[in-house]
Structure formats: structure tokens, C-alpha cells
C-alpha atoms as a PDB file:
ATOM      1  CA  UNK A   1      22.309  20.882 -19.232  1.00  0.00           C
ATOM      2  CA  UNK A   2      19.200  22.608 -19.249  1.00  0.00           C
ATOM      3  CA  UNK A   3      16.268  21.904 -21.136  1.00  0.00           C
ATOM      4  CA  UNK A   4      13.358  24.869 -21.931  1.00  0.00           C
ATOM      5  CA  UNK A   5       9.620  24.178 -22.093  1.00  0.00           C
ATOM      6  CA  UNK A   6       9.722  25.642 -25.714  1.00  0.00           C
ATOM      7  CA  UNK A   7      12.282  23.358 -26.931  1.00  0.00           C
ATOM      8  CA  UNK A   8      10.114  20.257 -24.775  1.00  0.00           C
ATOM      9  CA  UNK A   9       6.865  21.820 -26.306  1.00  0.00           C
ATOM     10  CA  UNK A  10       8.043  22.519 -30.556  1.00  0.00           C
ATOM     11  CA  UNK A  11       9.569  18.338 -29.901  1.00  0.00           C
ATOM     12  CA  UNK A  12       6.006  17.122 -28.375  1.00  0.00           C
ATOM     13  CA  UNK A  13       4.100  19.304 -31.915  1.00  0.00           C
ATOM     14  CA  UNK A  14       6.863  17.281 -34.400  1.00  0.00           C
ATOM     15  CA  UNK A  15       6.191  13.833 -31.981  1.00  0.00           C
ATOM     16  CA  UNK A  16       3.611  13.400 -30.479  1.00  0.00           C
ATOM     17  CA  UNK A  17       5.952  11.857 -27.698  1.00  0.00           C
ATOM     18  CA  UNK A  18       5.123  12.606 -24.625  1.00  0.00           C
ATOM     19  CA  UNK A  19       7.107  15.866 -22.726  1.00  0.00           C
ATOM     20  CA  UNK A  20       8.572  13.523 -20.496  1.00  0.00           C
ATOM     21  CA  UNK A  21      10.362  11.527 -22.929  1.00  0.00           C
ATOM     22  CA  UNK A  22      10.706  15.074 -25.022  1.00  0.00           C
ATOM     23  CA  UNK A  23      13.306  16.427 -22.557  1.00  0.00           C
ATOM     24  CA  UNK A  24      14.954  13.747 -22.389  1.00  0.00           C
ATOM     25  CA  UNK A  25      15.505  13.158 -25.638  1.00  0.00           C
ATOM     26  CA  UNK A  26      16.787  16.543 -25.818  1.00  0.00           C
ATOM     27  CA  UNK A  27      19.377  16.014 -22.752  1.00  0.00           C
ATOM     28  CA  UNK A  28      20.332  13.117 -24.794  1.00  0.00           C
ATOM     29  CA  UNK A  29      21.263  15.500 -27.512  1.00  0.00           C
ATOM     30  CA  UNK A  30      22.263  17.781 -26.151  1.00  0.00           C
ATOM     31  CA  UNK A  31      19.359  20.495 -26.757  1.00  0.00           C
ATOM     32  CA  UNK A  32      19.862  19.728 -31.257  1.00  0.00           C
ATOM     33  CA  UNK A  33      15.924  20.060 -31.779  1.00  0.00           C
ATOM     34  CA  UNK A  34      17.155  17.955 -35.374  1.00  0.00           C
ATOM     35  CA  UNK A  35      18.498  15.639 -32.978  1.00  0.00           C
ATOM     36  CA  UNK A  36      16.758  15.178 -30.622  1.00  0.00           C
ATOM     37  CA  UNK A  37      12.950  14.264 -33.060  1.00  0.00           C
ATOM     38  CA  UNK A  38      16.145  11.448 -35.263  1.00  0.00           C
ATOM     39  CA  UNK A  39      16.256   9.777 -31.165  1.00  0.00           C
ATOM     40  CA  UNK A  40      12.947   9.165 -30.902  1.00  0.00           C
ATOM     41  CA  UNK A  41      12.273   8.393 -33.604  1.00  0.00           C
ATOM     42  CA  UNK A  42      15.039   5.223 -33.587  1.00  0.00           C
ATOM     43  CA  UNK A  43      13.365   4.974 -29.637  1.00  0.00           C
ATOM     44  CA  UNK A  44       9.883   4.387 -31.546  1.00  0.00           C
ATOM     45  CA  UNK A  45       8.047   6.707 -28.987  1.00  0.00           C
ATOM     46  CA  UNK A  46       7.158   9.096 -32.134  1.00  0.00           C
ATOM     47  CA  UNK A  47       5.070   6.317 -34.092  1.00  0.00           C
ATOM     48  CA  UNK A  48       4.397   4.698 -30.751  1.00  0.00           C
ATOM     49  CA  UNK A  49       1.689   8.197 -29.947  1.00  0.00           C
ATOM     50  CA  UNK A  50      -0.251   7.767 -33.264  1.00  0.00           C
ATOM     51  CA  UNK A  51      -0.624   4.237 -32.752  1.00  0.00           C
ATOM     52  CA  UNK A  52      -2.488   6.384 -29.452  1.00  0.00           C
ATOM     53  CA  UNK A  53      -5.877   7.489 -31.928  1.00  0.00           C
ATOM     54  CA  UNK A  54      -7.085   3.206 -32.264  1.00  0.00           C
ATOM     55  CA  UNK A  55      -9.501   1.857 -30.886  1.00  0.00           C
ATOM     56  CA  UNK A  56      -8.860  -0.547 -28.653  1.00  0.00           C
ATOM     57  CA  UNK A  57     -11.542  -2.676 -26.937  1.00  0.00           C
ATOM     58  CA  UNK A  58     -10.076  -5.953 -25.814  1.00  0.00           C
ATOM     59  CA  UNK A  59      -7.592  -6.335 -22.487  1.00  0.00           C
ATOM     60  CA  UNK A  60      -7.990  -7.825 -19.172  1.00  0.00           C
ATOM     61  CA  UNK A  61      -8.592  -6.240 -15.936  1.00  0.00           C
ATOM     62  CA  UNK A  62      -6.400  -6.760 -12.812  1.00  0.00           C
ATOM     63  CA  UNK A  63      -6.453  -7.473  -9.172  1.00  0.00           C
ATOM     64  CA  UNK A  64      -3.647  -6.786  -7.382  1.00  0.00           C
ATOM     65  CA  UNK A  65      -3.949  -7.255  -3.373  1.00  0.00           C
ATOM     66  CA  UNK A  66      -1.304  -5.240  -1.486  1.00  0.00           C
ATOM     67  CA  UNK A  67      -0.159  -6.999   2.461  1.00  0.00           C
ATOM     68  CA  UNK A  68      -2.398 -10.450   3.121  1.00  0.00           C
ATOM     69  CA  UNK A  69      -5.790  -8.551   2.131  1.00  0.00           C
ATOM     70  CA  UNK A  70      -4.675  -4.941   3.540  1.00  0.00           C
ATOM     71  CA  UNK A  71      -4.804  -3.245   0.457  1.00  0.00           C
ATOM     72  CA  UNK A  72      -7.108  -4.266  -3.218  1.00  0.00           C
ATOM     73  CA  UNK A  73      -7.132  -3.160  -6.417  1.00  0.00           C
ATOM     74  CA  UNK A  74      -8.296  -4.056  -9.463  1.00  0.00           C
ATOM     75  CA  UNK A  75      -7.768  -2.090 -13.302  1.00  0.00           C
ATOM     76  CA  UNK A  76      -8.860  -2.069 -16.629  1.00  0.00           C
ATOM     77  CA  UNK A  77      -6.772  -2.114 -19.199  1.00  0.00           C
ATOM     78  CA  UNK A  78      -7.011  -1.885 -22.587  1.00  0.00           C
ATOM     79  CA  UNK A  79      -5.442  -2.946 -25.949  1.00  0.00           C
ATOM     80  CA  UNK A  80      -6.156  -3.805 -29.871  1.00  0.00           C
ATOM     81  CA  UNK A  81      -6.234  -7.436 -30.274  1.00  0.00           C
ATOM     82  CA  UNK A  82      -6.957 -10.340 -28.159  1.00  0.00           C
ATOM     83  CA  UNK A  83      -3.048 -11.781 -29.245  1.00  0.00           C
ATOM     84  CA  UNK A  84      -1.283  -8.456 -27.356  1.00  0.00           C
ATOM     85  CA  UNK A  85      -3.888  -9.548 -24.338  1.00  0.00           C
ATOM     86  CA  UNK A  86      -3.005 -12.313 -23.587  1.00  0.00           C
ATOM     87  CA  UNK A  87       0.734 -12.255 -23.220  1.00  0.00           C
ATOM     88  CA  UNK A  88       2.920 -12.005 -20.870  1.00  0.00           C
ATOM     89  CA  UNK A  89       4.416  -8.856 -21.359  1.00  0.00           C
ATOM     90  CA  UNK A  90       0.590  -7.322 -21.015  1.00  0.00           C
ATOM     91  CA  UNK A  91      -0.472  -8.864 -18.252  1.00  0.00           C
ATOM     92  CA  UNK A  92       3.369  -7.297 -16.104  1.00  0.00           C
ATOM     93  CA  UNK A  93       2.228  -4.274 -17.957  1.00  0.00           C
ATOM     94  CA  UNK A  94      -1.544  -4.000 -16.373  1.00  0.00           C
ATOM     95  CA  UNK A  95       0.239  -5.992 -12.988  1.00  0.00           C
ATOM     96  CA  UNK A  96       2.148  -2.797 -13.084  1.00  0.00           C
ATOM     97  CA  UNK A  97       0.102  -0.570 -13.463  1.00  0.00           C
ATOM     98  CA  UNK A  98      -1.775  -2.331  -9.991  1.00  0.00           C
ATOM     99  CA  UNK A  99       0.654  -1.982  -8.247  1.00  0.00           C
ATOM    100  CA  UNK A 100       0.735   1.498  -8.896  1.00  0.00           C
ATOM    101  CA  UNK A 101      -2.840   2.423  -7.966  1.00  0.00           C
ATOM    102  CA  UNK A 102      -1.635   0.342  -4.928  1.00  0.00           C
ATOM    103  CA  UNK A 103       0.731   2.304  -3.839  1.00  0.00           C
ATOM    104  CA  UNK A 104       0.354   5.604  -5.252  1.00  0.00           C
ATOM    105  CA  UNK A 105      -3.411   6.071  -4.349  1.00  0.00           C
ATOM    106  CA  UNK A 106      -4.019   8.347  -7.760  1.00  0.00           C
ATOM    107  CA  UNK A 107      -7.867   8.734  -7.831  1.00  0.00           C
ATOM    108  CA  UNK A 108      -8.306   9.919 -11.751  1.00  0.00           C
ATOM    109  CA  UNK A 109      -6.234   9.176 -14.768  1.00  0.00           C
ATOM    110  CA  UNK A 110      -5.724  11.921 -15.934  1.00  0.00           C
ATOM    111  CA  UNK A 111      -6.382  15.795 -15.630  1.00  0.00           C
ATOM    112  CA  UNK A 112      -8.957  15.549 -18.093  1.00  0.00           C
ATOM    113  CA  UNK A 113     -11.037  12.900 -15.528  1.00  0.00           C
ATOM    114  CA  UNK A 114     -11.002  16.226 -12.640  1.00  0.00           C
ATOM    115  CA  UNK A 115     -14.230  17.120 -12.512  1.00  0.00           C
ATOM    116  CA  UNK A 116     -13.739  21.200 -12.398  1.00  0.00           C
ATOM    117  CA  UNK A 117     -15.587  22.335  -9.131  1.00  0.00           C
ATOM    118  CA  UNK A 118     -12.619  20.037  -8.284  1.00  0.00           C
ATOM    119  CA  UNK A 119      -9.408  21.770 -10.214  1.00  0.00           C
ATOM    120  CA  UNK A 120     -11.705  25.123  -9.436  1.00  0.00           C
ATOM    121  CA  UNK A 121     -11.724  24.831  -5.561  1.00  0.00           C
ATOM    122  CA  UNK A 122      -7.388  23.203  -5.474  1.00  0.00           C
ATOM    123  CA  UNK A 123      -6.942  26.890  -7.586  1.00  0.00           C
ATOM    124  CA  UNK A 124      -9.219  28.809  -5.067  1.00  0.00           C
ATOM    125  CA  UNK A 125      -6.929  27.414  -2.071  1.00  0.00           C
ATOM    126  CA  UNK A 126      -3.842  27.733  -4.182  1.00  0.00           C
ATOM    127  CA  UNK A 127      -5.055  31.481  -4.600  1.00  0.00           C
ATOM    128  CA  UNK A 128      -5.510  32.159  -1.110  1.00  0.00           C
ATOM    129  CA  UNK A 129      -2.664  30.189   0.191  1.00  0.00           C
ATOM    130  CA  UNK A 130      -0.133  32.597  -2.370  1.00  0.00           C
ATOM    131  CA  UNK A 131      -1.791  35.963  -1.532  1.00  0.00           C
ATOM    132  CA  UNK A 132      -1.746  34.941   2.304  1.00  0.00           C
ATOM    133  CA  UNK A 133       2.444  34.644   1.565  1.00  0.00           C
ATOM    134  CA  UNK A 134       1.642  38.247   0.055  1.00  0.00           C
ATOM    135  CA  UNK A 135       3.082  38.050  -2.891  1.00  0.00           C
ATOM    136  CA  UNK A 136       2.844  40.203  -6.015  1.00  0.00           C
ATOM    137  CA  UNK A 137      -0.062  39.315  -8.568  1.00  0.00           C
ATOM    138  CA  UNK A 138       1.986  38.160 -11.596  1.00  0.00           C
ATOM    139  CA  UNK A 139       3.868  35.975  -9.030  1.00  0.00           C
ATOM    140  CA  UNK A 140       1.436  35.139  -7.950  1.00  0.00           C
ATOM    141  CA  UNK A 141      -0.805  33.551 -10.691  1.00  0.00           C
ATOM    142  CA  UNK A 142       2.587  31.774 -11.718  1.00  0.00           C
ATOM    143  CA  UNK A 143       2.475  30.263  -7.739  1.00  0.00           C
ATOM    144  CA  UNK A 144      -1.089  28.818  -8.224  1.00  0.00           C
ATOM    145  CA  UNK A 145      -0.479  27.364 -12.008  1.00  0.00           C
ATOM    146  CA  UNK A 146       2.421  25.196 -10.729  1.00  0.00           C
ATOM    147  CA  UNK A 147       1.722  24.241  -7.549  1.00  0.00           C
ATOM    148  CA  UNK A 148      -2.153  23.052  -9.705  1.00  0.00           C
ATOM    149  CA  UNK A 149       0.588  21.333 -12.139  1.00  0.00           C
ATOM    150  CA  UNK A 150       2.116  19.379  -8.764  1.00  0.00           C
ATOM    151  CA  UNK A 151      -1.965  18.637  -7.948  1.00  0.00           C
ATOM    152  CA  UNK A 152      -2.338  16.772 -10.917  1.00  0.00           C
ATOM    153  CA  UNK A 153       0.532  14.935 -10.843  1.00  0.00           C
ATOM    154  CA  UNK A 154      -0.011  13.191  -7.526  1.00  0.00           C
ATOM    155  CA  UNK A 155      -3.490  12.689  -8.185  1.00  0.00           C
ATOM    156  CA  UNK A 156      -3.624  11.863 -11.661  1.00  0.00           C
ATOM    157  CA  UNK A 157      -2.178   8.072 -12.480  1.00  0.00           C
ATOM    158  CA  UNK A 158      -0.735   8.861 -16.168  1.00  0.00           C
ATOM    159  CA  UNK A 159       0.786  11.719 -14.530  1.00  0.00           C
ATOM    160  CA  UNK A 160       2.066  10.365 -11.842  1.00  0.00           C
ATOM    161  CA  UNK A 161       6.451   9.467 -10.998  1.00  0.00           C
ATOM    162  CA  UNK A 162       6.538   5.836 -11.896  1.00  0.00           C
ATOM    163  CA  UNK A 163       7.230   2.958  -8.708  1.00  0.00           C
ATOM    164  CA  UNK A 164       9.647   0.869 -10.439  1.00  0.00           C
ATOM    165  CA  UNK A 165      11.552   4.148 -11.968  1.00  0.00           C
ATOM    166  CA  UNK A 166      10.844   7.370 -10.213  1.00  0.00           C
ATOM    167  CA  UNK A 167      12.333   8.970 -13.917  1.00  0.00           C
ATOM    168  CA  UNK A 168       9.274   8.091 -15.651  1.00  0.00           C
ATOM    169  CA  UNK A 169       6.122   9.085 -15.931  1.00  0.00           C
ATOM    170  CA  UNK A 170       3.243   6.322 -16.046  1.00  0.00           C
ATOM    171  CA  UNK A 171       2.388   7.747 -19.697  1.00  0.00           C
ATOM    172  CA  UNK A 172       5.508   7.460 -20.437  1.00  0.00           C
ATOM    173  CA  UNK A 173       5.691   4.204 -19.447  1.00  0.00           C
ATOM    174  CA  UNK A 174       2.818   3.831 -22.100  1.00  0.00           C
ATOM    175  CA  UNK A 175       4.182   5.205 -24.937  1.00  0.00           C
ATOM    176  CA  UNK A 176       7.388   2.653 -24.206  1.00  0.00           C
ATOM    177  CA  UNK A 177       4.649  -0.126 -23.938  1.00  0.00           C
ATOM    178  CA  UNK A 178       3.039   0.984 -27.083  1.00  0.00           C
ATOM    179  CA  UNK A 179       5.973   1.195 -28.643  1.00  0.00           C
ATOM    180  CA  UNK A 180       7.596  -2.168 -28.525  1.00  0.00           C
ATOM    181  CA  UNK A 181       3.851  -4.194 -28.533  1.00  0.00           C
ATOM    182  CA  UNK A 182       2.758  -2.341 -31.026  1.00  0.00           C
ATOM    183  CA  UNK A 183      -0.794  -1.666 -30.478  1.00  0.00           C
ATOM    184  CA  UNK A 184      -2.675   1.326 -29.374  1.00  0.00           C
ATOM    185  CA  UNK A 185      -2.431   0.294 -25.141  1.00  0.00           C
ATOM    186  CA  UNK A 186      -4.557   2.909 -22.459  1.00  0.00           C
ATOM    187  CA  UNK A 187      -6.061   2.194 -18.586  1.00  0.00           C
ATOM    188  CA  UNK A 188      -9.241   2.500 -18.708  1.00  0.00           C
ATOM    189  CA  UNK A 189     -10.431   2.779 -15.070  1.00  0.00           C
ATOM    190  CA  UNK A 190      -9.233   1.451 -11.613  1.00  0.00           C
ATOM    191  CA  UNK A 191     -10.590   1.003  -8.209  1.00  0.00           C
ATOM    192  CA  UNK A 192      -8.897   1.632  -4.958  1.00  0.00           C
ATOM    193  CA  UNK A 193     -10.203  -0.688  -1.584  1.00  0.00           C
ATOM    194  CA  UNK A 194      -7.911   0.213   2.056  1.00  0.00           C
ATOM    195  CA  UNK A 195      -9.096  -2.472   4.715  1.00  0.00           C
ATOM    196  CA  UNK A 196     -10.951   0.625   6.847  1.00  0.00           C
ATOM    197  CA  UNK A 197     -10.495   3.141   5.164  1.00  0.00           C
ATOM    198  CA  UNK A 198     -12.350   5.854   6.273  1.00  0.00           C
ATOM    199  CA  UNK A 199     -11.802   4.732   9.836  1.00  0.00           C
ATOM    200  CA  UNK A 200     -10.197   5.972  12.837  1.00  0.00           C
ATOM    201  CA  UNK A 201      -6.273   3.505  12.851  1.00  0.00           C
ATOM    202  CA  UNK A 202      -2.932   4.049  12.589  1.00  0.00           C
ATOM    203  CA  UNK A 203      -1.638   4.369   9.679  1.00  0.00           C
ATOM    204  CA  UNK A 204       0.842   2.128   7.886  1.00  0.00           C
ATOM    205  CA  UNK A 205       3.605   4.279   4.830  1.00  0.00           C
ATOM    206  CA  UNK A 206       1.719   1.696   2.597  1.00  0.00           C
ATOM    207  CA  UNK A 207       3.837   2.795  -0.584  1.00  0.00           C
ATOM    208  CA  UNK A 208       6.859   1.892   1.010  1.00  0.00           C
ATOM    209  CA  UNK A 209       5.489  -1.545   1.307  1.00  0.00           C
ATOM    210  CA  UNK A 210       4.528  -1.604  -2.497  1.00  0.00           C
ATOM    211  CA  UNK A 211       7.722   0.256  -3.863  1.00  0.00           C
ATOM    212  CA  UNK A 212       9.741  -2.926  -1.986  1.00  0.00           C
ATOM    213  CA  UNK A 213       7.094  -5.476  -3.794  1.00  0.00           C
ATOM    214  CA  UNK A 214       7.892  -3.782  -7.028  1.00  0.00           C
ATOM    215  CA  UNK A 215      12.175  -3.980  -6.731  1.00  0.00           C
ATOM    216  CA  UNK A 216      11.929  -7.117  -5.068  1.00  0.00           C
ATOM    217  CA  UNK A 217      13.025  -6.542  -2.276  1.00  0.00           C
END
């Protein structure tokens, strides 16, 4: 069944869970709001959102090298305690995030990190494209906002589809882990290096290679 944006928004406001998790919950319970709230509470996602405001100053810096040294990623992921930072589950999460950066090539952690100038430049480009398509002003405005949202989903790590489960965002993965581990978890920063980047060379499908490795193929 189709789930309205208003229903997703209301559920998110009531529980603090992510938009994708709210939509999934509503789909699972046939669109009934109260049942969706219960569903999220049972899954621990609502309580996970409350943990997200807690200080996370421990953690690790994970390094991931792909393709015999052709791509390298460093990512800093924080948690609340050194104990959790040393667990296999947390380290596996850090590696998954590093592989995500290698494969999906995000430029920012979250949309709030995107410089205002970059957003306005993209908005102007999208507006020009919509105008060239001859759309009415009201339609054009909605088109620009929709395409700008896609821009954020492409460029921002937390909004990208998780390479091991495209039905889940990276943010959704973090919320799931927060609920499971019981501590706030935060991706602070990352750096991605690609051998020969910016030089004229043959293009390889690195994203597909990393995705295959993630799937264990």
C-alpha cells in the first residue's frame, strides 16, 4: 500500500526514528499509526533516537584498502565507551562504513555539512534544467526540490543506500546498531583516496567491485 509523506512525518515526530524506518514500519502494519509506533518501540529504533544526543568521544579510525592499493579510505566512527569500540560488532560496522565510502564515493557525512554555496550552485543548475524543460513555475519549484533531495542522497554518506542492503540507508544502519549496542554511534569524518584521481586514465567500475566484495562474491 502507498504510505503518505504526512504519515511518515507524524510517526517520525512521535518516535524520533529515521524516515526510512518510519516508512517501513507503516508498511509493515498496513499504515496504522499506533501499530507503527509499537512496531518501532519493539525494534528499539525509537529509543535509539534518544541515545543519538549523548556524547560519543570514543571509537576507532578504520582503514580500508581496495583493489591492491587503488582506493584507500580512512573513517572515524565514535561511540560512548572504549569497551564498545573494541567489540567485533563495532569494528565490523566501521569496516562496512569504510567500504561504503570506497564504493559510493560520498563527499559529505550529512547534508548539514554541504556548504551553502554548493547547495545554491546545484539549485541554480537544477532550476535552469527545469526551465529548459518548459515546466510551469509551481511544477518547476517542486522538481528542483525533488532533484536537490536526490543530490543530497548521492553526496551525503548517511543518506546513501547501504551497499549491503540497498533498502536501508546508512543512517538507518546506524540507528539499528545504536538500538542493538545501546550506545550512541556517530560517523564523524572520512577521507577517500583513489590512485590517479584527477588524471586521465581508464575508468573502472570500482563501486561494483567493492559491492561484490561486500556481498562475499
